[in-house]
């Protein structure tokens, strides 16, 4: 199951009155539960099919920003201004969760991608760490990275643009 498919399911559940959702397909299991303004996402896949183990991830809905999160909420305001200045045809790779953005697989290693790099839809472009789990984020489209919108080690919000990609 691809991360963008999980994101779409989260959006649909968030917009509905459903409190609990379970899906089992091709050896993957997804369970979503709403409670106190948070959604808990559990993704399980066979070990051979996924090199990274998946576990519970808390995703805060973008509409329920707490006063504590106000400084982090200021970062996404700058991204739309940048995106508006650029071509409207650019694809945004967004964060699927709240976490810490890492541009490389380990400290001291080169970044997965930089501005000007060509990517395909399944190319890993960064990692977002949430609750000690390192989630690889894929490009989702074939194209060229035009701009990296966040800094290494920066906290990112759910739905925050991370990269701008010129699709091929």
Protein backbone atom coordinates (compact mmCIF):
# COMPACT_ATOMS: atom_id res chain seq x y z
CA UNK A 1 0.00 0.00 0.00
CA UNK A 2 1.44 3.37 -1.04
CA UNK A 3 1.70 6.34 1.33
CA UNK A 4 -0.48 8.51 -0.92
CA UNK A 5 -3.26 5.90 -0.71
CA UNK A 6 -3.06 5.98 3.10
CA UNK A 7 -3.15 9.80 3.00
CA UNK A 8 -6.32 9.74 0.90
CA UNK A 9 -7.97 7.30 3.33
CA UNK A 10 -7.02 9.57 6.26
CA UNK A 11 -8.55 12.59 4.50
CA UNK A 12 -11.78 10.72 3.76
CA UNK A 13 -12.11 9.43 7.33
CA UNK A 14 -11.31 12.89 8.73
CA UNK A 15 -14.11 14.43 6.64
CA UNK A 16 -16.64 11.75 7.59
CA UNK A 17 -18.46 10.84 10.78
CA UNK A 18 -16.76 7.42 10.88
CA UNK A 19 -14.90 6.84 14.17
CA UNK A 20 -13.11 3.62 13.29
CA UNK A 21 -11.96 2.14 9.96
CA UNK A 22 -10.14 -1.14 9.19
CA UNK A 23 -8.80 -2.29 5.81
CA UNK A 24 -6.96 -5.50 4.94
CA UNK A 25 -5.59 -5.85 1.42
CA UNK A 26 -2.72 -7.84 -0.12
CA UNK A 27 -1.19 -8.62 3.27
CA UNK A 28 -1.35 -4.99 4.43
CA UNK A 29 -3.55 -3.92 7.34
CA UNK A 30 -4.62 -0.33 8.02
CA UNK A 31 -6.59 0.67 11.12
CA UNK A 32 -7.78 4.25 11.71
CA UNK A 33 -9.49 5.42 14.90
CA UNK A 34 -10.68 8.92 15.77
CA UNK A 35 -10.43 10.04 19.37
CA UNK A 36 -10.01 13.43 21.08
CA UNK A 37 -9.11 15.21 17.85
CA UNK A 38 -6.32 12.80 16.91
CA UNK A 39 -6.24 9.94 14.43
CA UNK A 40 -4.17 6.85 15.13
CA UNK A 41 -2.87 5.10 12.04
CA UNK A 42 -1.54 1.56 12.22
CA UNK A 43 -0.05 0.06 9.06
CA UNK A 44 1.16 -3.54 9.01
CA UNK A 45 2.78 -5.27 6.05
CA UNK A 46 4.69 -8.52 5.65
CA UNK A 47 8.38 -8.09 6.51
CA UNK A 48 9.49 -9.23 3.03
CA UNK A 49 7.27 -6.60 1.35
CA UNK A 50 8.41 -3.62 3.43
CA UNK A 51 12.02 -2.87 4.45
CA UNK A 52 10.80 -0.39 7.08
CA UNK A 53 8.61 -1.64 9.92
CA UNK A 54 5.44 0.36 10.35
CA UNK A 55 3.76 1.08 13.66
CA UNK A 56 1.22 3.51 15.16
CA UNK A 57 1.54 7.09 13.95
CA UNK A 58 -0.48 9.97 15.40
CA UNK A 59 -1.69 12.48 12.84
CA UNK A 60 -3.13 15.77 14.05
CA UNK A 61 -5.78 17.27 11.78
CA UNK A 62 -4.57 20.52 10.25
CA UNK A 63 -7.72 22.37 11.33
CA UNK A 64 -7.14 21.73 15.05
CA UNK A 65 -3.86 23.59 15.61
CA UNK A 66 -3.22 24.04 19.31
CA UNK A 67 -1.68 27.25 20.69
CA UNK A 68 1.49 25.27 21.44
CA UNK A 69 1.82 24.44 17.73
CA UNK A 70 1.55 28.11 16.67
CA UNK A 71 5.29 28.59 15.94
CA UNK A 72 5.34 25.47 13.76
CA UNK A 73 2.16 26.62 12.00
CA UNK A 74 3.98 29.74 10.80
CA UNK A 75 6.29 27.73 8.53
CA UNK A 76 3.51 26.54 6.16
CA UNK A 77 2.42 30.18 5.64
CA UNK A 78 5.72 30.91 3.90
CA UNK A 79 5.45 27.87 1.62
CA UNK A 80 2.24 28.99 -0.18
CA UNK A 81 3.85 32.37 -0.91
CA UNK A 82 6.78 30.57 -2.52
CA UNK A 83 4.44 28.23 -4.42
CA UNK A 84 2.31 31.15 -5.64
CA UNK A 85 5.40 32.85 -7.02
CA UNK A 86 6.36 29.70 -8.90
CA UNK A 87 4.58 28.05 -11.82
CA UNK A 88 1.13 26.71 -10.88
CA UNK A 89 1.92 23.49 -12.75
CA UNK A 90 4.47 22.39 -10.13
CA UNK A 91 3.61 19.32 -8.01
CA UNK A 92 3.99 19.66 -4.24
CA UNK A 93 5.34 16.73 -2.26
CA UNK A 94 3.72 17.20 1.15
CA UNK A 95 4.38 15.73 4.57
CA UNK A 96 1.96 12.88 5.34
CA UNK A 97 2.36 13.45 9.09
CA UNK A 98 3.66 15.70 11.82
CA UNK A 99 7.33 15.00 12.46
CA UNK A 100 10.94 15.95 11.83
CA UNK A 101 12.21 16.30 8.23
CA UNK A 102 15.52 14.64 7.34
CA UNK A 103 17.03 15.13 3.89
CA UNK A 104 19.48 12.19 4.16
CA UNK A 105 19.34 8.59 5.42
CA UNK A 106 21.91 9.29 8.19
CA UNK A 107 23.81 12.28 9.56
CA UNK A 108 26.86 12.97 7.39
CA UNK A 109 25.42 11.16 4.35
CA UNK A 110 24.45 13.03 1.15
CA UNK A 111 20.84 14.21 0.77
CA UNK A 112 18.38 11.94 -1.05
CA UNK A 113 17.64 14.74 -3.54
CA UNK A 114 18.58 18.35 -4.20
CA UNK A 115 17.15 21.05 -6.46
CA UNK A 116 17.78 20.04 -10.07
CA UNK A 117 17.71 16.26 -9.45
CA UNK A 118 15.48 14.05 -11.62
CA UNK A 119 13.14 11.74 -9.71
CA UNK A 120 10.69 8.97 -10.53
CA UNK A 121 7.44 8.32 -8.67
CA UNK A 122 8.93 5.67 -6.35
CA UNK A 123 12.17 7.57 -5.55
CA UNK A 124 12.64 8.27 -1.82
CA UNK A 125 13.16 12.03 -1.43
CA UNK A 126 13.37 12.37 2.37
CA UNK A 127 12.48 10.89 5.74
CA UNK A 128 9.90 12.23 8.20
CA UNK A 129 10.52 10.92 11.71
CA UNK A 130 7.54 10.63 14.03
CA UNK A 131 7.57 8.90 17.40
CA UNK A 132 11.00 7.32 16.73
CA UNK A 133 9.77 5.82 13.42
CA UNK A 134 11.54 6.90 10.23
CA UNK A 135 9.04 7.11 7.35
CA UNK A 136 10.47 7.28 3.83
CA UNK A 137 8.62 9.79 1.64
CA UNK A 138 8.42 9.05 -2.09
CA UNK A 139 8.30 11.60 -4.94
CA UNK A 140 4.87 10.39 -6.20
CA UNK A 141 5.56 11.83 -9.69
CA UNK A 142 8.23 11.64 -12.36
CA UNK A 143 10.01 14.96 -12.81
CA UNK A 144 12.67 17.36 -11.59
CA UNK A 145 13.04 18.76 -8.07
CA UNK A 146 12.69 22.53 -8.48
CA UNK A 147 12.96 23.57 -4.84
CA UNK A 148 13.43 22.07 -1.38
CA UNK A 149 11.07 24.02 0.89
CA UNK A 150 12.29 22.86 4.33
CA UNK A 151 15.60 22.57 6.15
CA UNK A 152 17.16 19.35 7.45
CA UNK A 153 15.99 18.72 11.04
CA UNK A 154 13.01 21.11 10.75
CA UNK A 155 9.68 20.19 12.33
CA UNK A 156 6.97 19.76 9.69
CA UNK A 157 3.18 19.68 9.91
CA UNK A 158 0.70 17.32 8.28
CA UNK A 159 0.13 18.50 4.68
CA UNK A 160 3.07 20.95 4.70
CA UNK A 161 4.78 21.17 1.29
CA UNK A 162 8.33 19.76 1.39
CA UNK A 163 9.39 19.90 -2.28
CA UNK A 164 8.25 21.46 -5.54
CA UNK A 165 8.56 19.14 -8.55
CA UNK A 166 8.24 20.00 -12.22
CA UNK A 167 6.37 16.95 -13.60
CA UNK A 168 7.56 15.34 -16.84
